[in-house]
Amino acid sequence: MVLAARENVKCVEFGLRRAQGPNGSLTASKYAFMGGFIATSNVYAGFLYNIPTAGTCAHSFIMSFESEEDITNSRTL
């Protein structure tokens, strides 16, 4: 994927949900980083292998807001 991406495009690995077990997710994160991905969403792999982490927030956090206005107003907190 890194080779197929344009030169100025950064690739971040988000495969934790699709990996086959804990060992598979750690292995995939480690080798994706070695293959040129710049970060992983797998926090444990980031901790073990010193890989930068990046990602999304929990669905439960998103659902804690009742409207789009609540999200906008929370930015000032």
PDB file of N, CA and C in Angstrom:
ATOM      1  N   MET A   1       0.824  -1.178   0.000  1.00  0.00           N
ATOM      2  CA  MET A   1       0.000   0.000   0.000  1.00  0.00           C
ATOM      3  C   MET A   1       0.873   1.248   0.000  1.00  0.00           C
ATOM      4  N   VAL A   2       1.964   1.216   0.730  1.00  0.00           N
ATOM      5  CA  VAL A   2       2.857   2.368   0.765  1.00  0.00           C
ATOM      6  C   VAL A   2       3.424   2.634  -0.622  1.00  0.00           C
ATOM      7  N   LEU A   3       3.788   1.584  -1.325  1.00  0.00           N
ATOM      8  CA  LEU A   3       4.322   1.745  -2.679  1.00  0.00           C
ATOM      9  C   LEU A   3       3.263   2.271  -3.645  1.00  0.00           C
ATOM     10  N   ALA A   4       2.011   1.856  -3.449  1.00  0.00           N
ATOM     11  CA  ALA A   4       0.931   2.284  -4.337  1.00  0.00           C
ATOM     12  C   ALA A   4       0.469   3.712  -4.044  1.00  0.00           C
ATOM     13  N   ALA A   5       0.692   4.171  -2.817  1.00  0.00           N
ATOM     14  CA  ALA A   5       0.287   5.532  -2.441  1.00  0.00           C
ATOM     15  C   ALA A   5       1.225   6.539  -3.093  1.00  0.00           C
ATOM     16  N   ARG A   6       0.693   7.706  -3.348  1.00  0.00           N
ATOM     17  CA  ARG A   6       1.552   8.761  -3.884  1.00  0.00           C
ATOM     18  C   ARG A   6       2.626   9.113  -2.877  1.00  0.00           C
ATOM     19  N   GLU A   7       3.676   9.718  -3.341  1.00  0.00           N
ATOM     20  CA  GLU A   7       4.828  10.018  -2.492  1.00  0.00           C
ATOM     21  C   GLU A   7       4.474  10.891  -1.295  1.00  0.00           C
ATOM     22  N   ASN A   8       3.538  11.804  -1.454  1.00  0.00           N
ATOM     23  CA  ASN A   8       3.192  12.705  -0.355  1.00  0.00           C
ATOM     24  C   ASN A   8       2.041  12.188   0.507  1.00  0.00           C
ATOM     25  N   VAL A   9       1.610  10.936   0.306  1.00  0.00           N
ATOM     26  CA  VAL A   9       0.524  10.338   1.081  1.00  0.00           C
ATOM     27  C   VAL A   9       1.121   9.469   2.179  1.00  0.00           C
ATOM     28  N   LYS A  10       0.679   9.682   3.398  1.00  0.00           N
ATOM     29  CA  LYS A  10       1.138   8.899   4.542  1.00  0.00           C
ATOM     30  C   LYS A  10       0.123   7.792   4.825  1.00  0.00           C
ATOM     31  N   CYS A  11       0.605   6.604   5.113  1.00  0.00           N
ATOM     32  CA  CYS A  11      -0.268   5.470   5.412  1.00  0.00           C
ATOM     33  C   CYS A  11      -0.238   5.158   6.902  1.00  0.00           C
ATOM     34  N   VAL A  12      -1.422   4.992   7.492  1.00  0.00           N
ATOM     35  CA  VAL A  12      -1.557   4.625   8.896  1.00  0.00           C
ATOM     36  C   VAL A  12      -2.283   3.287   8.952  1.00  0.00           C
ATOM     37  N   GLU A  13      -1.782   2.378   9.755  1.00  0.00           N
ATOM     38  CA  GLU A  13      -2.325   1.025   9.864  1.00  0.00           C
ATOM     39  C   GLU A  13      -3.476   1.003  10.860  1.00  0.00           C
ATOM     40  N   PHE A  14      -4.651   0.518  10.417  1.00  0.00           N
ATOM     41  CA  PHE A  14      -5.845   0.424  11.255  1.00  0.00           C
ATOM     42  C   PHE A  14      -6.411  -0.997  11.239  1.00  0.00           C
ATOM     43  N   GLY A  15      -5.570  -2.013  11.218  1.00  0.00           N
ATOM     44  CA  GLY A  15      -6.035  -3.386  11.032  1.00  0.00           C
ATOM     45  C   GLY A  15      -6.373  -4.151  12.287  1.00  0.00           C
ATOM     46  N   LEU A  16      -6.343  -3.530  13.440  1.00  0.00           N
ATOM     47  CA  LEU A  16      -6.537  -4.255  14.695  1.00  0.00           C
ATOM     48  C   LEU A  16      -7.872  -4.993  14.740  1.00  0.00           C
ATOM     49  N   ARG A  17      -8.919  -4.392  14.265  1.00  0.00           N
ATOM     50  CA  ARG A  17     -10.241  -5.039  14.317  1.00  0.00           C
ATOM     51  C   ARG A  17     -10.344  -6.250  13.394  1.00  0.00           C
ATOM     52  N   ARG A  18      -9.524  -6.305  12.373  1.00  0.00           N
ATOM     53  CA  ARG A  18      -9.605  -7.389  11.402  1.00  0.00           C
ATOM     54  C   ARG A  18      -8.552  -8.481  11.625  1.00  0.00           C
ATOM     55  N   ALA A  19      -7.643  -8.257  12.545  1.00  0.00           N
ATOM     56  CA  ALA A  19      -6.542  -9.199  12.766  1.00  0.00           C
ATOM     57  C   ALA A  19      -7.047 -10.489  13.407  1.00  0.00           C
ATOM     58  N   GLN A  20      -6.318 -11.555  13.183  1.00  0.00           N
ATOM     59  CA  GLN A  20      -6.680 -12.858  13.725  1.00  0.00           C
ATOM     60  C   GLN A  20      -5.984 -13.082  15.056  1.00  0.00           C
ATOM     61  N   GLY A  21      -6.562 -12.594  16.117  1.00  0.00           N
ATOM     62  CA  GLY A  21      -6.033 -12.794  17.450  1.00  0.00           C
ATOM     63  C   GLY A  21      -4.996 -11.765  17.846  1.00  0.00           C
ATOM     64  N   PRO A  22      -4.648 -11.774  19.145  1.00  0.00           N
ATOM     65  CA  PRO A  22      -3.694 -10.776  19.654  1.00  0.00           C
ATOM     66  C   PRO A  22      -2.324 -10.847  18.983  1.00  0.00           C
ATOM     67  N   ASN A  23      -1.814 -12.043  18.771  1.00  0.00           N
ATOM     68  CA  ASN A  23      -0.502 -12.170  18.135  1.00  0.00           C
ATOM     69  C   ASN A  23      -0.546 -11.662  16.693  1.00  0.00           C
ATOM     70  N   GLY A  24      -1.624 -11.963  15.997  1.00  0.00           N
ATOM     71  CA  GLY A  24      -1.768 -11.491  14.619  1.00  0.00           C
ATOM     72  C   GLY A  24      -1.831  -9.981  14.532  1.00  0.00           C
ATOM     73  N   SER A  25      -2.511  -9.358  15.482  1.00  0.00           N
ATOM     74  CA  SER A  25      -2.623  -7.898  15.446  1.00  0.00           C
ATOM     75  C   SER A  25      -1.283  -7.234  15.739  1.00  0.00           C
ATOM     76  N   LEU A  26      -0.527  -7.791  16.676  1.00  0.00           N
ATOM     77  CA  LEU A  26       0.790  -7.232  16.979  1.00  0.00           C
ATOM     78  C   LEU A  26       1.743  -7.422  15.813  1.00  0.00           C
ATOM     79  N   THR A  27       1.701  -8.592  15.215  1.00  0.00           N
ATOM     80  CA  THR A  27       2.571  -8.880  14.076  1.00  0.00           C
ATOM     81  C   THR A  27       2.242  -7.968  12.905  1.00  0.00           C
ATOM     82  N   ALA A  28       0.968  -7.817  12.608  1.00  0.00           N
ATOM     83  CA  ALA A  28       0.558  -6.966  11.490  1.00  0.00           C
ATOM     84  C   ALA A  28       0.971  -5.515  11.712  1.00  0.00           C
ATOM     85  N   SER A  29       0.786  -5.027  12.911  1.00  0.00           N
ATOM     86  CA  SER A  29       1.168  -3.641  13.207  1.00  0.00           C
ATOM     87  C   SER A  29       2.673  -3.442  13.069  1.00  0.00           C
ATOM     88  N   LYS A  30       3.436  -4.380  13.598  1.00  0.00           N
ATOM     89  CA  LYS A  30       4.894  -4.267  13.551  1.00  0.00           C
ATOM     90  C   LYS A  30       5.405  -4.284  12.112  1.00  0.00           C
ATOM     91  N   TYR A  31       4.913  -5.220  11.309  1.00  0.00           N
ATOM     92  CA  TYR A  31       5.417  -5.331   9.949  1.00  0.00           C
ATOM     93  C   TYR A  31       4.876  -4.249   9.029  1.00  0.00           C
ATOM     94  N   ALA A  32       3.696  -3.729   9.311  1.00  0.00           N
ATOM     95  CA  ALA A  32       3.203  -2.590   8.532  1.00  0.00           C
ATOM     96  C   ALA A  32       4.113  -1.384   8.762  1.00  0.00           C
ATOM     97  N   PHE A  33       4.517  -1.185  10.006  1.00  0.00           N
ATOM     98  CA  PHE A  33       5.431  -0.082  10.315  1.00  0.00           C
ATOM     99  C   PHE A  33       6.779  -0.300   9.632  1.00  0.00           C
ATOM    100  N   MET A  34       7.275  -1.512   9.691  1.00  0.00           N
ATOM    101  CA  MET A  34       8.539  -1.809   9.029  1.00  0.00           C
ATOM    102  C   MET A  34       8.429  -1.620   7.519  1.00  0.00           C
ATOM    103  N   GLY A  35       7.221  -1.797   6.973  1.00  0.00           N
ATOM    104  CA  GLY A  35       6.999  -1.661   5.546  1.00  0.00           C
ATOM    105  C   GLY A  35       6.725  -0.240   5.091  1.00  0.00           C
ATOM    106  N   GLY A  36       6.741   0.720   6.006  1.00  0.00           N
ATOM    107  CA  GLY A  36       6.599   2.107   5.594  1.00  0.00           C
ATOM    108  C   GLY A  36       5.403   2.853   6.131  1.00  0.00           C
ATOM    109  N   PHE A  37       4.491   2.170   6.829  1.00  0.00           N
ATOM    110  CA  PHE A  37       3.377   2.887   7.453  1.00  0.00           C
ATOM    111  C   PHE A  37       3.949   3.774   8.550  1.00  0.00           C
ATOM    112  N   ILE A  38       3.357   4.937   8.763  1.00  0.00           N
ATOM    113  CA  ILE A  38       3.941   5.893   9.703  1.00  0.00           C
ATOM    114  C   ILE A  38       3.408   5.748  11.122  1.00  0.00           C
ATOM    115  N   ALA A  39       2.295   5.015  11.315  1.00  0.00           N
ATOM    116  CA  ALA A  39       1.700   4.876  12.640  1.00  0.00           C
ATOM    117  C   ALA A  39       0.741   3.693  12.649  1.00  0.00           C
ATOM    118  N   THR A  40       0.283   3.323  13.842  1.00  0.00           N
ATOM    119  CA  THR A  40      -0.691   2.254  14.012  1.00  0.00           C
ATOM    120  C   THR A  40      -1.787   2.709  14.967  1.00  0.00           C
ATOM    121  N   SER A  41      -2.952   2.119  14.849  1.00  0.00           N
ATOM    122  CA  SER A  41      -4.022   2.385  15.812  1.00  0.00           C
ATOM    123  C   SER A  41      -3.923   1.436  16.999  1.00  0.00           C
ATOM    124  N   ASN A  42      -3.031   0.472  16.933  1.00  0.00           N
ATOM    125  CA  ASN A  42      -2.857  -0.528  17.969  1.00  0.00           C
ATOM    126  C   ASN A  42      -1.950   0.043  19.077  1.00  0.00           C
ATOM    127  N   VAL A  43      -2.555   0.490  20.150  1.00  0.00           N
ATOM    128  CA  VAL A  43      -1.810   1.156  21.222  1.00  0.00           C
ATOM    129  C   VAL A  43      -0.796   0.200  21.868  1.00  0.00           C
ATOM    130  N   TYR A  44      -1.161  -1.063  22.020  1.00  0.00           N
ATOM    131  CA  TYR A  44      -0.238  -2.015  22.629  1.00  0.00           C
ATOM    132  C   TYR A  44       0.985  -2.237  21.741  1.00  0.00           C
ATOM    133  N   ALA A  45       0.778  -2.339  20.442  1.00  0.00           N
ATOM    134  CA  ALA A  45       1.915  -2.465  19.520  1.00  0.00           C
ATOM    135  C   ALA A  45       2.777  -1.212  19.567  1.00  0.00           C
ATOM    136  N   GLY A  46       2.152  -0.061  19.688  1.00  0.00           N
ATOM    137  CA  GLY A  46       2.910   1.175  19.825  1.00  0.00           C
ATOM    138  C   GLY A  46       3.786   1.162  21.058  1.00  0.00           C
ATOM    139  N   PHE A  47       3.243   0.642  22.157  1.00  0.00           N
ATOM    140  CA  PHE A  47       3.985   0.548  23.407  1.00  0.00           C
ATOM    141  C   PHE A  47       5.141  -0.457  23.288  1.00  0.00           C
ATOM    142  N   LEU A  48       4.841  -1.643  22.770  1.00  0.00           N
ATOM    143  CA  LEU A  48       5.859  -2.697  22.691  1.00  0.00           C
ATOM    144  C   LEU A  48       6.982  -2.381  21.722  1.00  0.00           C
ATOM    145  N   TYR A  49       6.624  -1.830  20.566  1.00  0.00           N
ATOM    146  CA  TYR A  49       7.593  -1.668  19.481  1.00  0.00           C
ATOM    147  C   TYR A  49       7.970  -0.213  19.223  1.00  0.00           C
ATOM    148  N   ASN A  50       7.516   0.689  20.081  1.00  0.00           N
ATOM    149  CA  ASN A  50       7.819   2.108  19.930  1.00  0.00           C
ATOM    150  C   ASN A  50       7.356   2.654  18.572  1.00  0.00           C
ATOM    151  N   ILE A  51       6.149   2.259  18.178  1.00  0.00           N
ATOM    152  CA  ILE A  51       5.538   2.725  16.930  1.00  0.00           C
ATOM    153  C   ILE A  51       4.638   3.913  17.275  1.00  0.00           C
ATOM    154  N   PRO A  52       4.694   4.993  16.528  1.00  0.00           N
ATOM    155  CA  PRO A  52       3.757   6.098  16.773  1.00  0.00           C
ATOM    156  C   PRO A  52       2.313   5.605  16.636  1.00  0.00           C
ATOM    157  N   THR A  53       1.424   6.095  17.486  1.00  0.00           N
ATOM    158  CA  THR A  53       0.023   5.691  17.419  1.00  0.00           C
ATOM    159  C   THR A  53      -0.839   6.835  16.912  1.00  0.00           C
ATOM    160  N   ALA A  54      -1.890   6.468  16.228  1.00  0.00           N
ATOM    161  CA  ALA A  54      -2.869   7.415  15.704  1.00  0.00           C
ATOM    162  C   ALA A  54      -4.177   6.660  15.588  1.00  0.00           C
ATOM    163  N   GLY A  55      -5.272   7.360  15.600  1.00  0.00           N
ATOM    164  CA  GLY A  55      -6.512   6.620  15.455  1.00  0.00           C
ATOM    165  C   GLY A  55      -7.743   7.431  15.698  1.00  0.00           C
ATOM    166  N   THR A  56      -8.780   6.696  15.929  1.00  0.00           N
ATOM    167  CA  THR A  56     -10.100   7.271  16.120  1.00  0.00           C
ATOM    168  C   THR A  56     -10.469   7.183  17.590  1.00  0.00           C
ATOM    169  N   CYS A  57     -11.552   7.817  17.948  1.00  0.00           N
ATOM    170  CA  CYS A  57     -12.019   7.735  19.330  1.00  0.00           C
ATOM    171  C   CYS A  57     -13.100   6.661  19.443  1.00  0.00           C
ATOM    172  N   ALA A  58     -13.434   6.308  20.651  1.00  0.00           N
ATOM    173  CA  ALA A  58     -14.412   5.245  20.901  1.00  0.00           C
ATOM    174  C   ALA A  58     -15.809   5.654  20.442  1.00  0.00           C
ATOM    175  N   HIS A  59     -16.550   4.689  19.939  1.00  0.00           N
ATOM    176  CA  HIS A  59     -17.925   4.924  19.513  1.00  0.00           C
ATOM    177  C   HIS A  59     -18.773   5.398  20.692  1.00  0.00           C
ATOM    178  N   SER A  60     -18.506   4.892  21.877  1.00  0.00           N
ATOM    179  CA  SER A  60     -19.264   5.310  23.057  1.00  0.00           C
ATOM    180  C   SER A  60     -19.087   6.806  23.333  1.00  0.00           C
ATOM    181  N   PHE A  61     -17.894   7.335  23.038  1.00  0.00           N
ATOM    182  CA  PHE A  61     -17.665   8.773  23.210  1.00  0.00           C
ATOM    183  C   PHE A  61     -18.524   9.565  22.222  1.00  0.00           C
ATOM    184  N   ILE A  62     -18.552   9.141  20.987  1.00  0.00           N
ATOM    185  CA  ILE A  62     -19.358   9.826  19.967  1.00  0.00           C
ATOM    186  C   ILE A  62     -20.829   9.798  20.346  1.00  0.00           C
ATOM    187  N   MET A  63     -21.297   8.652  20.832  1.00  0.00           N
ATOM    188  CA  MET A  63     -22.709   8.513  21.170  1.00  0.00           C
ATOM    189  C   MET A  63     -23.085   9.271  22.442  1.00  0.00           C
ATOM    190  N   SER A  64     -22.112   9.765  23.196  1.00  0.00           N
ATOM    191  CA  SER A  64     -22.421  10.519  24.410  1.00  0.00           C
ATOM    192  C   SER A  64     -22.964  11.912  24.099  1.00  0.00           C
ATOM    193  N   PHE A  65     -22.834  12.368  22.849  1.00  0.00           N
ATOM    194  CA  PHE A  65     -23.377  13.659  22.428  1.00  0.00           C
ATOM    195  C   PHE A  65     -24.749  13.454  21.822  1.00  0.00           C
ATOM    196  N   GLU A  66     -25.680  14.333  22.166  1.00  0.00           N
ATOM    197  CA  GLU A  66     -27.037  14.191  21.655  1.00  0.00           C
ATOM    198  C   GLU A  66     -27.257  14.916  20.334  1.00  0.00           C
ATOM    199  N   SER A  67     -26.432  15.917  20.050  1.00  0.00           N
ATOM    200  CA  SER A  67     -26.612  16.665  18.812  1.00  0.00           C
ATOM    201  C   SER A  67     -25.264  17.200  18.339  1.00  0.00           C
ATOM    202  N   GLU A  68     -25.241  17.663  17.111  1.00  0.00           N
ATOM    203  CA  GLU A  68     -24.015  18.247  16.556  1.00  0.00           C
ATOM    204  C   GLU A  68     -23.614  19.517  17.317  1.00  0.00           C
ATOM    205  N   GLU A  69     -24.600  20.245  17.822  1.00  0.00           N
ATOM    206  CA  GLU A  69     -24.309  21.451  18.594  1.00  0.00           C
ATOM    207  C   GLU A  69     -23.541  21.121  19.879  1.00  0.00           C
ATOM    208  N   ASP A  70     -23.828  19.977  20.488  1.00  0.00           N
ATOM    209  CA  ASP A  70     -23.099  19.565  21.694  1.00  0.00           C
ATOM    210  C   ASP A  70     -21.617  19.373  21.378  1.00  0.00           C
ATOM    211  N   ILE A  71     -21.310  18.856  20.227  1.00  0.00           N
ATOM    212  CA  ILE A  71     -19.925  18.628  19.834  1.00  0.00           C
ATOM    213  C   ILE A  71     -19.222  19.970  19.626  1.00  0.00           C
ATOM    214  N   THR A  72     -19.879  20.879  18.919  1.00  0.00           N
ATOM    215  CA  THR A  72     -19.303  22.198  18.666  1.00  0.00           C
ATOM    216  C   THR A  72     -19.042  22.932  19.969  1.00  0.00           C
ATOM    217  N   ASN A  73     -19.984  22.891  20.889  1.00  0.00           N
ATOM    218  CA  ASN A  73     -19.834  23.603  22.160  1.00  0.00           C
ATOM    219  C   ASN A  73     -18.761  22.973  23.039  1.00  0.00           C
ATOM    220  N   SER A  74     -18.502  21.692  22.894  1.00  0.00           N
ATOM    221  CA  SER A  74     -17.517  21.027  23.753  1.00  0.00           C
ATOM    222  C   SER A  74     -16.087  21.400  23.389  1.00  0.00           C
ATOM    223  N   ARG A  75     -15.858  21.980  22.231  1.00  0.00           N
ATOM    224  CA  ARG A  75     -14.504  22.348  21.808  1.00  0.00           C
ATOM    225  C   ARG A  75     -13.912  23.459  22.671  1.00  0.00           C
ATOM    226  N   THR A  76     -14.743  24.196  23.374  1.00  0.00           N
ATOM    227  CA  THR A  76     -14.251  25.294  24.198  1.00  0.00           C
ATOM    228  C   THR A  76     -13.865  24.822  25.600  1.00  0.00           C
ATOM    229  N   LEU A  77     -14.134  23.589  25.940  1.00  0.00           N
ATOM    230  CA  LEU A  77     -13.840  23.063  27.286  1.00  0.00           C
ATOM    231  C   LEU A  77     -12.377  22.834  27.493  1.00  0.00           C
TER     232      LEU A  77
END
